[in-house]
Amino acid sequence: MRVEVLGCSGGIGGGRRTSALRVDDDILLDCGTGVGDLSPDELSRIRHVFLTHPHMDHVACLPMLVDTLFAQLKDAPLMVYATPPCIEILQAHIFNWQIWPDFQTLPAPDSPVVRFRPVEWGETVTLGARRIDVLPAIHTVPACGYRVEGNGGAFAYTGDCTSNDSLWKALNAHDRLDLLVVECAFGDSEIDLARRAGHYCPELLVHDLAKLGHDPRICITHLKPGEEARVFEQLRRRAPQRALLQLRGREVFQL
């Protein structure tokens, strides 16, 4: 199983791309601006998109992805997996004929080029040899994370989230976790903002990592633009025993 970081920043500018991971060549976890760096041939192989929540930095490329692949999706629609509230938000505010066409009705209502598949916390989706478990996550809007297990190992992606017990219990329910991609948006001086915005800072994240029964390599995503080095150094000092990696984009992990 191949995992590629297409985007991992909390914003844009200076080569930064927002949240998106590619699993093998056909699955996206989130659909932020990093998807735009894929070639037309690479885009054509995407068939499944798993969204953590509907915030713009995680869905920005989804409308254009569907539009770009329109002709190729007429026989096999793009499958978009998300919680029911996330789907409702996308339908009401993006695929609404005002911001973007409603591709659920094109080229015809009975043969759309995109289909939304509701998923719930604790559910499992199986795609070939890959098992995708839907993880609980707490953010300012309904959210989830994903754990993906294939023949070579397992990794988890939290999406945007903040302190909670349920996420870590869900990860501990499995006997393997090789890689964890977890957010840490703010520095410790902004802990109150992190709580209000539904994000982690180093203090909150290290407190929650103590709940994890595994010892995976930990990749930090969604760092505040311009503050990446400072926030990551705070985290490294708080968790010197952890195998931490600051994601910058284009990293590839082979599991």
C-alpha atoms as a PDB file:
ATOM      1  CA  MET A   1       0.000   0.000   0.000  1.00  0.00           C
ATOM      2  CA  ARG A   2       1.391   3.367  -1.063  1.00  0.00           C
ATOM      3  CA  VAL A   3       0.487   6.582   0.762  1.00  0.00           C
ATOM      4  CA  GLU A   4       1.447   9.931  -0.784  1.00  0.00           C
ATOM      5  CA  VAL A   5       1.076  13.314   0.900  1.00  0.00           C
ATOM      6  CA  LEU A   6      -0.359  15.679  -1.721  1.00  0.00           C
ATOM      7  CA  GLY A   7      -1.080  18.477   0.732  1.00  0.00           C
ATOM      8  CA  CYS A   8      -0.533  18.947   4.451  1.00  0.00           C
ATOM      9  CA  SER A   9      -0.611  22.668   5.228  1.00  0.00           C
ATOM     10  CA  GLY A  10      -3.138  24.705   7.137  1.00  0.00           C
ATOM     11  CA  GLY A  11      -3.044  27.252   4.302  1.00  0.00           C
ATOM     12  CA  ILE A  12      -1.476  28.254   1.003  1.00  0.00           C
ATOM     13  CA  GLY A  13       1.479  30.312  -0.183  1.00  0.00           C
ATOM     14  CA  GLY A  14       5.111  29.541  -0.885  1.00  0.00           C
ATOM     15  CA  GLY A  15       4.423  26.091  -2.273  1.00  0.00           C
ATOM     16  CA  ARG A  16       2.045  25.059   0.509  1.00  0.00           C
ATOM     17  CA  ARG A  17      -0.877  22.806  -0.378  1.00  0.00           C
ATOM     18  CA  THR A  18      -3.900  21.990   1.767  1.00  0.00           C
ATOM     19  CA  SER A  19      -4.996  18.590   3.004  1.00  0.00           C
ATOM     20  CA  ALA A  20      -5.031  15.562   0.701  1.00  0.00           C
ATOM     21  CA  LEU A  21      -3.523  12.084   0.835  1.00  0.00           C
ATOM     22  CA  ARG A  22      -3.447   9.616  -2.062  1.00  0.00           C
ATOM     23  CA  VAL A  23      -3.652   5.908  -1.249  1.00  0.00           C
ATOM     24  CA  ASP A  24      -2.296   3.771  -4.086  1.00  0.00           C
ATOM     25  CA  ASP A  25      -3.524   5.430  -7.278  1.00  0.00           C
ATOM     26  CA  ASP A  26      -7.298   5.349  -6.827  1.00  0.00           C
ATOM     27  CA  ILE A  27      -8.181   6.711  -3.350  1.00  0.00           C
ATOM     28  CA  LEU A  28      -8.028  10.221  -1.924  1.00  0.00           C
ATOM     29  CA  LEU A  29      -8.382  11.066   1.738  1.00  0.00           C
ATOM     30  CA  ASP A  30      -9.641  14.656   1.575  1.00  0.00           C
ATOM     31  CA  CYS A  31      -9.458  16.740  -1.563  1.00  0.00           C
ATOM     32  CA  GLY A  32      -7.598  19.955  -0.754  1.00  0.00           C
ATOM     33  CA  THR A  33      -5.453  22.013  -3.095  1.00  0.00           C
ATOM     34  CA  GLY A  34      -2.678  19.398  -3.225  1.00  0.00           C
ATOM     35  CA  VAL A  35      -4.829  17.357  -5.617  1.00  0.00           C
ATOM     36  CA  GLY A  36      -4.257  20.024  -8.252  1.00  0.00           C
ATOM     37  CA  ASP A  37      -0.620  18.961  -8.633  1.00  0.00           C
ATOM     38  CA  LEU A  38      -1.579  15.544 -10.015  1.00  0.00           C
ATOM     39  CA  SER A  39      -1.234  15.029 -13.757  1.00  0.00           C
ATOM     40  CA  PRO A  40      -4.335  14.448 -15.904  1.00  0.00           C
ATOM     41  CA  ASP A  41      -3.405  10.766 -16.115  1.00  0.00           C
ATOM     42  CA  GLU A  42      -3.058  10.519 -12.324  1.00  0.00           C
ATOM     43  CA  LEU A  43      -6.369  12.314 -11.827  1.00  0.00           C
ATOM     44  CA  SER A  44      -8.098   9.897 -14.184  1.00  0.00           C
ATOM     45  CA  ARG A  45      -7.274   6.978 -11.881  1.00  0.00           C
ATOM     46  CA  ILE A  46      -9.017   8.480  -8.833  1.00  0.00           C
ATOM     47  CA  ARG A  47     -12.258   6.627  -8.168  1.00  0.00           C
ATOM     48  CA  HIS A  48     -12.869   7.079  -4.415  1.00  0.00           C
ATOM     49  CA  VAL A  49     -12.709  10.212  -2.241  1.00  0.00           C
ATOM     50  CA  PHE A  50     -13.071   9.957   1.541  1.00  0.00           C
ATOM     51  CA  LEU A  51     -13.778  13.340   3.153  1.00  0.00           C
ATOM     52  CA  THR A  52     -13.155  14.084   6.820  1.00  0.00           C
ATOM     53  CA  HIS A  53     -15.321  17.228   6.918  1.00  0.00           C
ATOM     54  CA  PRO A  54     -16.568  19.968   4.563  1.00  0.00           C
ATOM     55  CA  HIS A  55     -14.176  22.839   5.339  1.00  0.00           C
ATOM     56  CA  MET A  56     -12.759  24.476   2.221  1.00  0.00           C
ATOM     57  CA  ASP A  57      -9.140  23.473   2.769  1.00  0.00           C
ATOM     58  CA  HIS A  58     -10.242  19.815   2.681  1.00  0.00           C
ATOM     59  CA  VAL A  59     -12.704  19.938  -0.250  1.00  0.00           C
ATOM     60  CA  ALA A  60     -11.418  22.770  -2.469  1.00  0.00           C
ATOM     61  CA  CYS A  61     -10.473  20.544  -5.396  1.00  0.00           C
ATOM     62  CA  LEU A  62     -13.473  18.215  -5.272  1.00  0.00           C
ATOM     63  CA  PRO A  63     -15.779  20.285  -7.532  1.00  0.00           C
ATOM     64  CA  MET A  64     -13.034  20.776 -10.120  1.00  0.00           C
ATOM     65  CA  LEU A  65     -11.987  17.127  -9.930  1.00  0.00           C
ATOM     66  CA  VAL A  66     -15.493  16.018 -10.879  1.00  0.00           C
ATOM     67  CA  ASP A  67     -15.626  18.605 -13.659  1.00  0.00           C
ATOM     68  CA  THR A  68     -12.208  17.610 -15.016  1.00  0.00           C
ATOM     69  CA  LEU A  69     -13.105  13.914 -15.088  1.00  0.00           C
ATOM     70  CA  PHE A  70     -16.684  14.435 -16.316  1.00  0.00           C
ATOM     71  CA  ALA A  71     -16.356  12.514 -19.597  1.00  0.00           C
ATOM     72  CA  GLN A  72     -14.544   9.617 -17.923  1.00  0.00           C
ATOM     73  CA  LEU A  73     -17.100   9.265 -15.112  1.00  0.00           C
ATOM     74  CA  LYS A  74     -20.207   8.719 -17.204  1.00  0.00           C
ATOM     75  CA  ASP A  75     -19.893   4.924 -16.977  1.00  0.00           C
ATOM     76  CA  ALA A  76     -18.369   4.724 -13.469  1.00  0.00           C
ATOM     77  CA  PRO A  77     -19.132   7.667 -11.171  1.00  0.00           C
ATOM     78  CA  LEU A  78     -16.686   9.114  -8.665  1.00  0.00           C
ATOM     79  CA  MET A  79     -17.607   7.783  -5.216  1.00  0.00           C
ATOM     80  CA  VAL A  80     -17.429  10.358  -2.428  1.00  0.00           C
ATOM     81  CA  TYR A  81     -17.653   9.027   1.137  1.00  0.00           C
ATOM     82  CA  ALA A  82     -18.508  11.365   4.022  1.00  0.00           C
ATOM     83  CA  THR A  83     -20.724  11.662   7.070  1.00  0.00           C
ATOM     84  CA  PRO A  84     -24.360  12.576   6.318  1.00  0.00           C
ATOM     85  CA  PRO A  85     -23.992  16.159   7.685  1.00  0.00           C
ATOM     86  CA  CYS A  86     -20.921  16.696   5.504  1.00  0.00           C
ATOM     87  CA  ILE A  87     -22.810  15.514   2.429  1.00  0.00           C
ATOM     88  CA  GLU A  88     -25.725  17.805   3.245  1.00  0.00           C
ATOM     89  CA  ILE A  89     -23.390  20.800   3.508  1.00  0.00           C
ATOM     90  CA  LEU A  90     -21.727  20.039   0.173  1.00  0.00           C
ATOM     91  CA  GLN A  91     -25.073  19.602  -1.531  1.00  0.00           C
ATOM     92  CA  ALA A  92     -26.517  22.791  -0.088  1.00  0.00           C
ATOM     93  CA  HIS A  93     -23.536  25.096  -0.480  1.00  0.00           C
ATOM     94  CA  ILE A  94     -21.326  23.822  -3.327  1.00  0.00           C
ATOM     95  CA  PHE A  95     -23.127  21.444  -5.692  1.00  0.00           C
ATOM     96  CA  ASN A  96     -26.153  23.741  -5.849  1.00  0.00           C
ATOM     97  CA  TRP A  97     -26.060  25.253  -9.395  1.00  0.00           C
ATOM     98  CA  GLN A  98     -24.846  28.539  -7.899  1.00  0.00           C
ATOM     99  CA  ILE A  99     -21.335  27.817  -6.651  1.00  0.00           C
ATOM    100  CA  TRP A 100     -20.978  24.737  -8.890  1.00  0.00           C
ATOM    101  CA  PRO A 101     -23.228  22.480 -10.986  1.00  0.00           C
ATOM    102  CA  ASP A 102     -25.065  19.681  -9.232  1.00  0.00           C
ATOM    103  CA  PHE A 103     -23.135  16.790 -10.698  1.00  0.00           C
ATOM    104  CA  GLN A 104     -25.456  14.373  -8.906  1.00  0.00           C
ATOM    105  CA  THR A 105     -27.909  15.092 -11.734  1.00  0.00           C
ATOM    106  CA  LEU A 106     -25.490  15.201 -14.665  1.00  0.00           C
ATOM    107  CA  PRO A 107     -25.491  13.984 -17.320  1.00  0.00           C
ATOM    108  CA  ALA A 108     -28.810  12.600 -15.994  1.00  0.00           C
ATOM    109  CA  PRO A 109     -30.288  12.002 -12.524  1.00  0.00           C
ATOM    110  CA  ASP A 110     -30.233   8.233 -13.010  1.00  0.00           C
ATOM    111  CA  SER A 111     -26.609   8.202 -14.227  1.00  0.00           C
ATOM    112  CA  PRO A 112     -24.667  10.903 -12.351  1.00  0.00           C
ATOM    113  CA  VAL A 113     -20.919  11.354 -12.561  1.00  0.00           C
ATOM    114  CA  VAL A 114     -20.612  11.600  -8.768  1.00  0.00           C
ATOM    115  CA  ARG A 115     -22.329   9.630  -6.035  1.00  0.00           C
ATOM    116  CA  PHE A 116     -22.230  10.469  -2.338  1.00  0.00           C
ATOM    117  CA  ARG A 117     -21.978   7.492  -0.003  1.00  0.00           C
ATOM    118  CA  PRO A 118     -22.850   8.272   3.649  1.00  0.00           C
ATOM    119  CA  VAL A 119     -20.577   6.726   6.279  1.00  0.00           C
ATOM    120  CA  GLU A 120     -20.801   6.720  10.065  1.00  0.00           C
ATOM    121  CA  TRP A 121     -18.286   6.445  12.886  1.00  0.00           C
ATOM    122  CA  GLY A 122     -17.327   2.793  13.357  1.00  0.00           C
ATOM    123  CA  GLU A 123     -18.274   1.761   9.835  1.00  0.00           C
ATOM    124  CA  THR A 124     -15.882  -0.107   7.537  1.00  0.00           C
ATOM    125  CA  VAL A 125     -15.608   0.251   3.758  1.00  0.00           C
ATOM    126  CA  THR A 126     -13.708  -2.461   1.879  1.00  0.00           C
ATOM    127  CA  LEU A 127     -12.072  -1.672  -1.452  1.00  0.00           C
ATOM    128  CA  GLY A 128     -10.158  -4.642  -2.783  1.00  0.00           C
ATOM    129  CA  ALA A 129      -7.464  -5.507  -0.239  1.00  0.00           C
ATOM    130  CA  ARG A 130      -7.913  -2.160   1.568  1.00  0.00           C
ATOM    131  CA  ARG A 131     -10.099  -1.825   4.644  1.00  0.00           C
ATOM    132  CA  ILE A 132     -11.107   1.751   5.501  1.00  0.00           C
ATOM    133  CA  ASP A 133     -12.459   2.243   9.019  1.00  0.00           C
ATOM    134  CA  VAL A 134     -14.307   5.462   9.838  1.00  0.00           C
ATOM    135  CA  LEU A 135     -12.882   7.036  13.003  1.00  0.00           C
ATOM    136  CA  PRO A 136     -14.609   9.434  15.390  1.00  0.00           C
ATOM    137  CA  ALA A 137     -13.247  12.981  15.429  1.00  0.00           C
ATOM    138  CA  ILE A 138     -14.268  16.188  17.179  1.00  0.00           C
ATOM    139  CA  HIS A 139     -14.066  19.477  15.254  1.00  0.00           C
ATOM    140  CA  THR A 140     -16.229  22.592  14.841  1.00  0.00           C
ATOM    141  CA  VAL A 141     -18.366  20.757  12.283  1.00  0.00           C
ATOM    142  CA  PRO A 142     -19.294  17.059  12.094  1.00  0.00           C
ATOM    143  CA  ALA A 143     -16.054  15.267  11.252  1.00  0.00           C
ATOM    144  CA  CYS A 144     -14.343  11.909  11.085  1.00  0.00           C
ATOM    145  CA  GLY A 145     -10.946  10.381  10.460  1.00  0.00           C
ATOM    146  CA  TYR A 146      -9.954   7.197   8.664  1.00  0.00           C
ATOM    147  CA  ARG A 147      -7.825   4.151   9.395  1.00  0.00           C
ATOM    148  CA  VAL A 148      -6.673   2.303   6.290  1.00  0.00           C
ATOM    149  CA  GLU A 149      -5.306  -1.225   6.427  1.00  0.00           C
ATOM    150  CA  GLY A 150      -3.844  -3.121   3.502  1.00  0.00           C
ATOM    151  CA  ASN A 151      -1.653  -6.129   2.952  1.00  0.00           C
ATOM    152  CA  GLY A 152       1.467  -4.258   4.041  1.00  0.00           C
ATOM    153  CA  GLY A 153       0.301  -2.416   7.148  1.00  0.00           C
ATOM    154  CA  ALA A 154      -2.062   0.159   8.576  1.00  0.00           C
ATOM    155  CA  PHE A 155      -2.136   3.923   8.937  1.00  0.00           C
ATOM    156  CA  ALA A 156      -4.580   6.471  10.298  1.00  0.00           C
ATOM    157  CA  TYR A 157      -5.434  10.025   9.261  1.00  0.00           C
ATOM    158  CA  THR A 158      -7.271  12.165  11.784  1.00  0.00           C
ATOM    159  CA  GLY A 159      -8.350  15.053   9.593  1.00  0.00           C
ATOM    160  CA  ASP A 160      -9.030  18.140  11.701  1.00  0.00           C
ATOM    161  CA  CYS A 161      -9.751  17.338  15.328  1.00  0.00           C
ATOM    162  CA  THR A 162      -9.119  18.235  18.929  1.00  0.00           C
ATOM    163  CA  SER A 163      -9.056  16.530  22.316  1.00  0.00           C
ATOM    164  CA  ASN A 164     -11.319  13.526  22.732  1.00  0.00           C
ATOM    165  CA  ASP A 165     -11.179   9.950  23.983  1.00  0.00           C
ATOM    166  CA  SER A 166     -13.176   8.213  21.251  1.00  0.00           C
ATOM    167  CA  LEU A 167     -10.583   8.572  18.488  1.00  0.00           C
ATOM    168  CA  TRP A 168      -7.866   6.911  20.529  1.00  0.00           C
ATOM    169  CA  LYS A 169     -10.153   4.127  21.738  1.00  0.00           C
ATOM    170  CA  ALA A 170     -11.028   3.385  18.128  1.00  0.00           C
ATOM    171  CA  LEU A 171      -7.339   3.178  17.177  1.00  0.00           C
ATOM    172  CA  ASN A 172      -6.554   0.985  20.179  1.00  0.00           C
ATOM    173  CA  ALA A 173      -9.294  -1.443  19.139  1.00  0.00           C
ATOM    174  CA  HIS A 174      -6.987  -2.649  16.354  1.00  0.00           C
ATOM    175  CA  ASP A 175      -3.785  -4.570  16.899  1.00  0.00           C
ATOM    176  CA  ARG A 176      -1.687  -2.601  14.411  1.00  0.00           C
ATOM    177  CA  LEU A 177      -0.877   1.007  13.554  1.00  0.00           C
ATOM    178  CA  ASP A 178       2.312   1.705  11.592  1.00  0.00           C
ATOM    179  CA  LEU A 179       1.767   5.358  10.719  1.00  0.00           C
ATOM    180  CA  LEU A 180      -0.357   8.142  12.215  1.00  0.00           C
ATOM    181  CA  VAL A 181      -1.047  11.370  10.331  1.00  0.00           C
ATOM    182  CA  VAL A 182      -2.371  13.797  12.933  1.00  0.00           C
ATOM    183  CA  GLU A 183      -2.923  17.524  12.921  1.00  0.00           C
ATOM    184  CA  CYS A 184      -1.359  20.155  15.183  1.00  0.00           C
ATOM    185  CA  ALA A 185      -2.501  23.518  13.896  1.00  0.00           C
ATOM    186  CA  PHE A 186      -1.520  26.002  16.595  1.00  0.00           C
ATOM    187  CA  GLY A 187       1.291  26.705  19.035  1.00  0.00           C
ATOM    188  CA  ASP A 188       0.818  26.369  22.777  1.00  0.00           C
ATOM    189  CA  SER A 189       0.459  30.134  23.208  1.00  0.00           C
ATOM    190  CA  GLU A 190      -2.810  29.817  21.268  1.00  0.00           C
ATOM    191  CA  ILE A 191      -4.245  26.921  23.248  1.00  0.00           C
ATOM    192  CA  ASP A 192      -7.517  28.766  23.870  1.00  0.00           C
ATOM    193  CA  LEU A 193      -7.902  29.439  20.139  1.00  0.00           C
ATOM    194  CA  ALA A 194      -7.052  25.798  19.396  1.00  0.00           C
ATOM    195  CA  ARG A 195      -9.857  24.666  21.703  1.00  0.00           C
ATOM    196  CA  ARG A 196     -12.384  27.084  20.191  1.00  0.00           C
ATOM    197  CA  ALA A 197     -11.359  26.222  16.634  1.00  0.00           C
ATOM    198  CA  GLY A 198     -11.432  22.462  17.240  1.00  0.00           C
ATOM    199  CA  HIS A 199      -7.717  21.900  16.618  1.00  0.00           C
ATOM    200  CA  TYR A 200      -4.741  20.486  18.454  1.00  0.00           C
ATOM    201  CA  CYS A 201      -1.763  22.379  19.815  1.00  0.00           C
ATOM    202  CA  PRO A 202       1.318  20.548  21.174  1.00  0.00           C
ATOM    203  CA  GLU A 203       0.062  20.464  24.772  1.00  0.00           C
ATOM    204  CA  LEU A 204      -3.319  19.046  23.806  1.00  0.00           C
ATOM    205  CA  LEU A 205      -1.906  16.585  21.292  1.00  0.00           C
ATOM    206  CA  VAL A 206       0.756  15.160  23.607  1.00  0.00           C
ATOM    207  CA  HIS A 207      -1.890  14.711  26.300  1.00  0.00           C
ATOM    208  CA  ASP A 208      -4.010  12.697  23.853  1.00  0.00           C
ATOM    209  CA  LEU A 209      -1.102  10.708  22.403  1.00  0.00           C
ATOM    210  CA  ALA A 210      -0.651   9.237  25.867  1.00  0.00           C
ATOM    211  CA  LYS A 211      -3.985   7.480  25.281  1.00  0.00           C
ATOM    212  CA  LEU A 212      -2.616   5.625  22.228  1.00  0.00           C
ATOM    213  CA  GLY A 213      -1.638   2.026  22.844  1.00  0.00           C
ATOM    214  CA  HIS A 214       0.522   1.854  19.704  1.00  0.00           C
ATOM    215  CA  ASP A 215       3.886   3.441  18.946  1.00  0.00           C
ATOM    216  CA  PRO A 216       3.649   4.381  15.262  1.00  0.00           C
ATOM    217  CA  ARG A 217       5.652   6.887  13.312  1.00  0.00           C
ATOM    218  CA  ILE A 218       3.760  10.159  13.818  1.00  0.00           C
ATOM    219  CA  CYS A 219       3.450  12.606  10.937  1.00  0.00           C
ATOM    220  CA  ILE A 220       2.310  16.119  11.800  1.00  0.00           C
ATOM    221  CA  THR A 221      -0.010  17.896   9.394  1.00  0.00           C
ATOM    222  CA  HIS A 222      -2.057  21.105   9.205  1.00  0.00           C
ATOM    223  CA  LEU A 223       0.600  23.298  10.859  1.00  0.00           C
ATOM    224  CA  LYS A 224      -0.184  27.010  10.768  1.00  0.00           C
ATOM    225  CA  PRO A 225       1.489  28.637   7.715  1.00  0.00           C
ATOM    226  CA  GLY A 226       4.605  30.518   8.700  1.00  0.00           C
ATOM    227  CA  GLU A 227       4.626  28.915  12.148  1.00  0.00           C
ATOM    228  CA  GLU A 228       5.498  25.365  11.132  1.00  0.00           C
ATOM    229  CA  ALA A 229       9.009  25.209  12.597  1.00  0.00           C
ATOM    230  CA  ARG A 230       8.025  26.860  15.886  1.00  0.00           C
ATOM    231  CA  VAL A 231       4.971  24.665  16.477  1.00  0.00           C
ATOM    232  CA  PHE A 232       6.801  21.477  15.508  1.00  0.00           C
ATOM    233  CA  GLU A 233       9.699  22.299  17.827  1.00  0.00           C
ATOM    234  CA  GLN A 234       7.253  22.808  20.714  1.00  0.00           C
ATOM    235  CA  LEU A 235       5.777  19.407  19.949  1.00  0.00           C
ATOM    236  CA  ARG A 236       9.188  17.756  19.671  1.00  0.00           C
ATOM    237  CA  ARG A 237      10.205  19.120  23.077  1.00  0.00           C
ATOM    238  CA  ARG A 238       6.991  17.857  24.669  1.00  0.00           C
ATOM    239  CA  ALA A 239       7.300  14.383  23.137  1.00  0.00           C
ATOM    240  CA  PRO A 240      11.017  13.590  22.724  1.00  0.00           C
ATOM    241  CA  GLN A 241      10.330   9.856  22.912  1.00  0.00           C
ATOM    242  CA  ARG A 242       8.003   9.872  19.892  1.00  0.00           C
ATOM    243  CA  ALA A 243       9.076   9.267  16.285  1.00  0.00           C
ATOM    244  CA  LEU A 244       7.837  12.600  14.895  1.00  0.00           C
ATOM    245  CA  LEU A 245       7.983  13.858  11.328  1.00  0.00           C
ATOM    246  CA  GLN A 246       6.944  17.324  10.152  1.00  0.00           C
ATOM    247  CA  LEU A 247       5.140  16.844   6.860  1.00  0.00           C
ATOM    248  CA  ARG A 248       5.938  19.305   4.086  1.00  0.00           C
ATOM    249  CA  GLY A 249       4.209  17.606   1.160  1.00  0.00           C
ATOM    250  CA  ARG A 250       5.176  15.002  -1.475  1.00  0.00           C
ATOM    251  CA  GLU A 251       6.291  12.462   1.126  1.00  0.00           C
ATOM    252  CA  VAL A 252       5.612   8.865   0.143  1.00  0.00           C
ATOM    253  CA  PHE A 253       5.192   6.006   2.610  1.00  0.00           C
ATOM    254  CA  GLN A 254       5.219   2.387   1.521  1.00  0.00           C
ATOM    255  CA  LEU A 255       3.302   0.090   3.862  1.00  0.00           C
END
